């Protein structure tokens, strides 16, 4: 059974940076068609932050372009989200998502990111 475990969240001041990690177990991330990061703020719907395909193609939400970078390390079975210039509106629970070539989805349990002075 595939498990996704996020880590790296925390409290950071505006303008600061964090790096989130999503470690997979039970299956190599190279076998997934796409891996992604999503976030959900209180009272809001879950939204896409960034995705990366097995071929390395990336997609970003407009709100994070130029500030966030998604990457994957197949050897470590880990997907990363490097976040710079964090803003209070980036505060949310961040979730890792996997999608197989057959379209099956999996989610991690989430990690809290709070941007506040």
N, C-alpha and C. Protein backbone atom coordinates (compact mmCIF):
# COMPACT_ATOMS: atom_id res chain seq x y z
N UNK A 1 0.85 -1.18 0.00
CA UNK A 1 0.00 0.00 0.00
C UNK A 1 0.89 1.24 0.00
N UNK A 2 0.56 2.18 -0.87
CA UNK A 2 1.36 3.39 -1.00
C UNK A 2 1.00 4.37 0.11
N UNK A 3 2.02 4.94 0.71
CA UNK A 3 1.82 5.99 1.71
C UNK A 3 2.59 7.23 1.31
N UNK A 4 1.97 8.38 1.54
CA UNK A 4 2.62 9.66 1.31
C UNK A 4 2.73 10.36 2.65
N UNK A 5 3.93 10.78 3.01
CA UNK A 5 4.14 11.42 4.31
C UNK A 5 4.81 12.77 4.09
N UNK A 6 4.06 13.83 4.45
CA UNK A 6 4.59 15.18 4.31
C UNK A 6 5.33 15.60 5.58
N UNK A 7 6.29 16.48 5.41
CA UNK A 7 7.01 17.06 6.54
C UNK A 7 7.58 18.40 6.11
N UNK A 8 8.04 19.16 7.11
CA UNK A 8 8.69 20.43 6.80
C UNK A 8 7.87 21.66 7.07
N UNK A 9 6.61 21.48 7.45
CA UNK A 9 5.78 22.64 7.74
C UNK A 9 6.18 23.29 9.04
N UNK A 10 5.58 24.45 9.32
CA UNK A 10 5.89 25.14 10.56
C UNK A 10 5.46 26.58 10.50
N UNK A 11 5.93 27.33 11.48
CA UNK A 11 5.64 28.77 11.58
C UNK A 11 6.83 29.55 11.03
N UNK A 12 6.53 30.49 10.15
CA UNK A 12 7.59 31.29 9.55
C UNK A 12 7.10 32.72 9.41
N UNK A 13 8.00 33.68 9.48
CA UNK A 13 7.63 35.08 9.33
C UNK A 13 7.44 35.42 7.85
N UNK A 14 6.64 36.42 7.57
CA UNK A 14 6.49 36.87 6.18
C UNK A 14 7.85 37.17 5.56
N UNK A 15 8.02 36.72 4.32
CA UNK A 15 9.30 36.88 3.64
C UNK A 15 10.24 35.71 3.85
N UNK A 16 9.88 34.82 4.75
CA UNK A 16 10.73 33.68 5.04
C UNK A 16 10.56 32.55 4.04
N UNK A 17 11.24 31.45 4.32
CA UNK A 17 11.20 30.30 3.41
C UNK A 17 11.04 29.01 4.19
N UNK A 18 10.51 28.02 3.51
CA UNK A 18 10.37 26.66 4.04
C UNK A 18 10.53 25.69 2.89
N UNK A 19 10.93 24.48 3.22
CA UNK A 19 10.94 23.41 2.23
C UNK A 19 10.12 22.25 2.75
N UNK A 20 9.10 21.91 2.00
CA UNK A 20 8.26 20.77 2.33
C UNK A 20 8.77 19.52 1.61
N UNK A 21 8.62 18.40 2.28
CA UNK A 21 9.00 17.11 1.69
C UNK A 21 7.81 16.17 1.70
N UNK A 22 7.74 15.35 0.68
CA UNK A 22 6.71 14.31 0.59
C UNK A 22 7.43 13.01 0.27
N UNK A 23 7.54 12.15 1.25
CA UNK A 23 8.21 10.88 1.07
C UNK A 23 7.18 9.79 0.77
N UNK A 24 7.48 8.98 -0.22
CA UNK A 24 6.58 7.89 -0.57
C UNK A 24 7.14 6.56 -0.10
N UNK A 25 6.27 5.68 0.25
CA UNK A 25 6.68 4.33 0.62
C UNK A 25 5.72 3.35 -0.02
N UNK A 26 6.23 2.19 -0.36
CA UNK A 26 5.39 1.18 -0.97
C UNK A 26 5.41 1.21 -2.49
N UNK A 27 5.97 2.27 -3.02
CA UNK A 27 6.03 2.41 -4.48
C UNK A 27 7.00 3.53 -4.84
N UNK A 28 7.75 3.31 -5.88
CA UNK A 28 8.70 4.33 -6.32
C UNK A 28 7.96 5.50 -6.96
N UNK A 29 8.40 6.73 -6.66
CA UNK A 29 7.73 7.88 -7.24
C UNK A 29 7.92 7.94 -8.74
N UNK A 30 8.94 7.27 -9.26
CA UNK A 30 9.16 7.28 -10.70
C UNK A 30 8.04 6.55 -11.44
N UNK A 31 7.27 5.75 -10.70
CA UNK A 31 6.16 5.03 -11.32
C UNK A 31 4.87 5.84 -11.36
N UNK A 32 4.88 7.01 -10.70
CA UNK A 32 3.70 7.86 -10.73
C UNK A 32 3.75 8.78 -11.93
N UNK A 33 2.60 9.01 -12.52
CA UNK A 33 2.54 9.91 -13.66
C UNK A 33 2.79 11.35 -13.22
N UNK A 34 2.17 11.74 -12.12
CA UNK A 34 2.34 13.10 -11.64
C UNK A 34 2.28 13.12 -10.11
N UNK A 35 3.09 13.99 -9.54
CA UNK A 35 3.06 14.25 -8.11
C UNK A 35 2.75 15.73 -7.94
N UNK A 36 2.07 16.06 -6.86
CA UNK A 36 1.72 17.47 -6.71
C UNK A 36 1.56 17.89 -5.27
N UNK A 37 1.53 19.19 -5.11
CA UNK A 37 1.24 19.82 -3.82
C UNK A 37 -0.04 20.64 -3.96
N UNK A 38 -0.89 20.48 -2.98
CA UNK A 38 -2.13 21.22 -2.90
C UNK A 38 -2.18 21.86 -1.50
N UNK A 39 -3.06 22.84 -1.34
CA UNK A 39 -3.19 23.45 -0.02
C UNK A 39 -4.64 23.81 0.25
N UNK A 40 -4.96 23.86 1.53
CA UNK A 40 -6.31 24.22 1.94
C UNK A 40 -6.23 25.15 3.14
N UNK A 41 -6.72 26.35 2.94
CA UNK A 41 -6.78 27.33 4.02
C UNK A 41 -8.13 27.20 4.74
N UNK A 42 -8.22 27.65 5.97
CA UNK A 42 -9.49 27.55 6.71
C UNK A 42 -10.63 28.22 5.95
N UNK A 43 -11.73 27.51 5.81
CA UNK A 43 -12.90 28.05 5.14
C UNK A 43 -12.81 28.09 3.63
N UNK A 44 -11.73 27.56 3.07
CA UNK A 44 -11.57 27.59 1.62
C UNK A 44 -11.44 26.18 1.06
N UNK A 45 -11.63 26.07 -0.24
CA UNK A 45 -11.47 24.78 -0.90
C UNK A 45 -9.98 24.46 -1.11
N UNK A 46 -9.72 23.17 -1.23
CA UNK A 46 -8.36 22.76 -1.53
C UNK A 46 -7.99 23.22 -2.94
N UNK A 47 -6.78 23.74 -3.09
CA UNK A 47 -6.36 24.27 -4.38
C UNK A 47 -4.99 23.74 -4.78
N UNK A 48 -4.78 23.70 -6.07
CA UNK A 48 -3.49 23.25 -6.59
C UNK A 48 -2.42 24.30 -6.31
N UNK A 49 -1.26 23.84 -5.91
CA UNK A 49 -0.10 24.71 -5.72
C UNK A 49 0.90 24.48 -6.86
N UNK A 50 1.29 23.22 -7.03
CA UNK A 50 2.27 22.88 -8.06
C UNK A 50 2.22 21.39 -8.33
N UNK A 51 2.53 21.01 -9.57
CA UNK A 51 2.62 19.60 -9.93
C UNK A 51 3.87 19.37 -10.76
N UNK A 52 4.31 18.12 -10.76
CA UNK A 52 5.45 17.74 -11.58
C UNK A 52 5.20 16.35 -12.13
N UNK A 53 5.40 16.17 -13.43
CA UNK A 53 5.16 14.87 -14.04
C UNK A 53 6.42 14.00 -13.95
N UNK A 54 6.25 12.76 -14.35
CA UNK A 54 7.39 11.85 -14.35
C UNK A 54 8.47 12.32 -15.31
N UNK A 55 8.08 13.12 -16.30
CA UNK A 55 9.04 13.67 -17.25
C UNK A 55 9.64 14.99 -16.82
N UNK A 56 9.21 15.48 -15.66
CA UNK A 56 9.78 16.71 -15.12
C UNK A 56 9.06 17.98 -15.52
N UNK A 57 7.90 17.85 -16.16
CA UNK A 57 7.14 19.03 -16.54
C UNK A 57 6.42 19.57 -15.30
N UNK A 58 6.54 20.86 -15.08
CA UNK A 58 5.96 21.47 -13.88
C UNK A 58 4.83 22.44 -14.23
N UNK A 59 3.91 22.56 -13.30
CA UNK A 59 2.80 23.51 -13.41
C UNK A 59 2.67 24.19 -12.05
N UNK A 60 2.45 25.50 -12.08
CA UNK A 60 2.32 26.26 -10.83
C UNK A 60 1.05 27.09 -10.85
N UNK A 61 0.47 27.27 -9.67
CA UNK A 61 -0.60 28.23 -9.53
C UNK A 61 -0.02 29.63 -9.73
N UNK A 62 -0.81 30.52 -10.29
CA UNK A 62 -0.32 31.88 -10.54
C UNK A 62 0.15 32.55 -9.25
N UNK A 63 -0.51 32.24 -8.16
CA UNK A 63 -0.21 32.90 -6.90
C UNK A 63 1.16 32.54 -6.33
N UNK A 64 1.77 31.46 -6.82
CA UNK A 64 3.06 31.03 -6.28
C UNK A 64 4.18 31.07 -7.31
N UNK A 65 3.85 31.38 -8.55
CA UNK A 65 4.89 31.42 -9.60
C UNK A 65 6.00 32.39 -9.22
N UNK A 66 7.21 31.94 -9.39
CA UNK A 66 8.36 32.77 -9.08
C UNK A 66 8.78 32.71 -7.62
N UNK A 67 7.96 32.10 -6.78
CA UNK A 67 8.28 32.01 -5.35
C UNK A 67 8.46 30.56 -4.89
N UNK A 68 7.73 29.63 -5.50
CA UNK A 68 7.78 28.23 -5.11
C UNK A 68 8.42 27.40 -6.23
N UNK A 69 9.10 26.35 -5.84
CA UNK A 69 9.68 25.42 -6.81
C UNK A 69 9.40 24.00 -6.37
N UNK A 70 8.83 23.22 -7.28
CA UNK A 70 8.58 21.80 -7.01
C UNK A 70 9.67 20.99 -7.70
N UNK A 71 10.11 19.94 -7.01
CA UNK A 71 11.13 19.07 -7.58
C UNK A 71 10.91 17.66 -7.06
N UNK A 72 11.53 16.70 -7.71
CA UNK A 72 11.42 15.31 -7.28
C UNK A 72 12.78 14.65 -7.32
N UNK A 73 13.03 13.80 -6.34
CA UNK A 73 14.26 13.02 -6.26
C UNK A 73 13.85 11.56 -6.30
N UNK A 74 13.96 10.96 -7.47
CA UNK A 74 13.51 9.58 -7.63
C UNK A 74 14.33 8.62 -6.75
N UNK A 75 15.59 8.91 -6.56
CA UNK A 75 16.43 8.03 -5.75
C UNK A 75 15.99 8.03 -4.29
N UNK A 76 15.49 9.18 -3.84
CA UNK A 76 15.04 9.31 -2.46
C UNK A 76 13.54 9.07 -2.32
N UNK A 77 12.85 8.86 -3.44
CA UNK A 77 11.39 8.70 -3.43
C UNK A 77 10.72 9.86 -2.71
N UNK A 78 11.17 11.05 -3.03
CA UNK A 78 10.68 12.24 -2.33
C UNK A 78 10.39 13.37 -3.33
N UNK A 79 9.32 14.07 -3.06
CA UNK A 79 8.97 15.28 -3.80
C UNK A 79 9.10 16.46 -2.85
N UNK A 80 9.66 17.53 -3.35
CA UNK A 80 9.90 18.71 -2.52
C UNK A 80 9.10 19.91 -3.03
N UNK A 81 8.81 20.80 -2.11
CA UNK A 81 8.26 22.10 -2.46
C UNK A 81 9.07 23.14 -1.72
N UNK A 82 9.93 23.83 -2.46
CA UNK A 82 10.72 24.90 -1.88
C UNK A 82 9.91 26.19 -1.98
N UNK A 83 9.71 26.84 -0.85
CA UNK A 83 8.88 28.04 -0.80
C UNK A 83 9.70 29.22 -0.31
N UNK A 84 9.73 30.27 -1.10
CA UNK A 84 10.43 31.50 -0.76
C UNK A 84 9.43 32.65 -0.68
N UNK A 85 9.87 33.74 -0.07
CA UNK A 85 9.05 34.97 0.00
C UNK A 85 7.63 34.66 0.45
N UNK A 86 7.53 33.92 1.52
CA UNK A 86 6.21 33.49 1.99
C UNK A 86 5.38 34.68 2.46
N UNK A 87 4.08 34.56 2.22
CA UNK A 87 3.13 35.61 2.56
C UNK A 87 2.08 35.03 3.53
N UNK A 88 1.43 35.89 4.30
CA UNK A 88 0.38 35.37 5.20
C UNK A 88 -0.69 34.58 4.46
N UNK A 89 -0.97 34.95 3.22
CA UNK A 89 -1.99 34.22 2.46
C UNK A 89 -1.53 32.84 2.01
N UNK A 90 -0.28 32.51 2.24
CA UNK A 90 0.20 31.15 1.97
C UNK A 90 -0.12 30.20 3.13
N UNK A 91 -0.63 30.75 4.21
CA UNK A 91 -0.98 29.92 5.37
C UNK A 91 -2.06 28.92 5.00
N UNK A 92 -1.78 27.65 5.24
CA UNK A 92 -2.71 26.58 4.88
C UNK A 92 -2.12 25.25 5.32
N UNK A 93 -2.95 24.22 5.22
CA UNK A 93 -2.44 22.86 5.32
C UNK A 93 -2.04 22.43 3.90
N UNK A 94 -0.81 21.97 3.77
CA UNK A 94 -0.29 21.57 2.47
C UNK A 94 -0.32 20.04 2.36
N UNK A 95 -0.88 19.58 1.25
CA UNK A 95 -1.05 18.15 1.03
C UNK A 95 -0.26 17.71 -0.20
N UNK A 96 0.29 16.53 -0.10
CA UNK A 96 0.96 15.89 -1.23
C UNK A 96 -0.04 14.95 -1.91
N UNK A 97 0.01 14.92 -3.22
CA UNK A 97 -0.89 14.06 -3.98
C UNK A 97 -0.11 13.30 -5.03
N UNK A 98 -0.50 12.05 -5.21
CA UNK A 98 0.10 11.23 -6.26
C UNK A 98 -0.99 10.81 -7.23
N UNK A 99 -0.59 10.61 -8.47
CA UNK A 99 -1.52 10.10 -9.47
C UNK A 99 -0.79 9.11 -10.35
N UNK A 100 -1.36 7.92 -10.49
CA UNK A 100 -0.75 6.90 -11.33
C UNK A 100 -1.11 7.14 -12.79
N UNK A 101 -0.49 6.38 -13.68
CA UNK A 101 -0.79 6.49 -15.10
C UNK A 101 -2.22 6.02 -15.41
N UNK A 102 -2.81 5.28 -14.48
CA UNK A 102 -4.20 4.84 -14.65
C UNK A 102 -5.18 5.80 -14.00
N UNK A 103 -4.66 6.88 -13.43
CA UNK A 103 -5.52 7.90 -12.85
C UNK A 103 -5.89 7.72 -11.40
N UNK A 104 -5.29 6.75 -10.73
CA UNK A 104 -5.60 6.53 -9.32
C UNK A 104 -4.86 7.56 -8.48
N UNK A 105 -5.61 8.17 -7.54
CA UNK A 105 -5.04 9.24 -6.71
C UNK A 105 -4.74 8.75 -5.30
N UNK A 106 -3.76 9.40 -4.67
CA UNK A 106 -3.46 9.17 -3.27
C UNK A 106 -3.09 10.49 -2.62
N UNK A 107 -3.41 10.62 -1.33
CA UNK A 107 -3.13 11.85 -0.60
C UNK A 107 -2.34 11.56 0.67
N UNK A 108 -1.52 12.52 1.04
CA UNK A 108 -0.87 12.47 2.34
C UNK A 108 -1.77 13.07 3.40
N UNK A 109 -1.26 13.11 4.63
CA UNK A 109 -2.08 13.57 5.74
C UNK A 109 -2.02 15.09 5.91
N UNK A 110 -1.09 15.74 5.25
CA UNK A 110 -0.98 17.18 5.30
C UNK A 110 0.02 17.67 6.33
N UNK A 111 0.55 18.86 6.06
CA UNK A 111 1.45 19.52 6.99
C UNK A 111 1.08 21.01 7.04
N UNK A 112 1.03 21.55 8.24
CA UNK A 112 0.58 22.93 8.44
C UNK A 112 1.70 23.91 8.16
N UNK A 113 1.40 24.92 7.36
CA UNK A 113 2.30 26.04 7.14
C UNK A 113 1.60 27.31 7.61
N UNK A 114 2.23 28.02 8.52
CA UNK A 114 1.67 29.26 9.05
C UNK A 114 2.67 30.39 8.83
N UNK A 115 2.21 31.42 8.14
CA UNK A 115 3.07 32.58 7.87
C UNK A 115 2.51 33.76 8.66
N UNK A 116 3.26 34.16 9.67
CA UNK A 116 2.77 35.19 10.56
C UNK A 116 3.93 35.83 11.30
N UNK A 117 3.77 37.12 11.59
CA UNK A 117 4.78 37.82 12.38
C UNK A 117 4.42 37.78 13.86
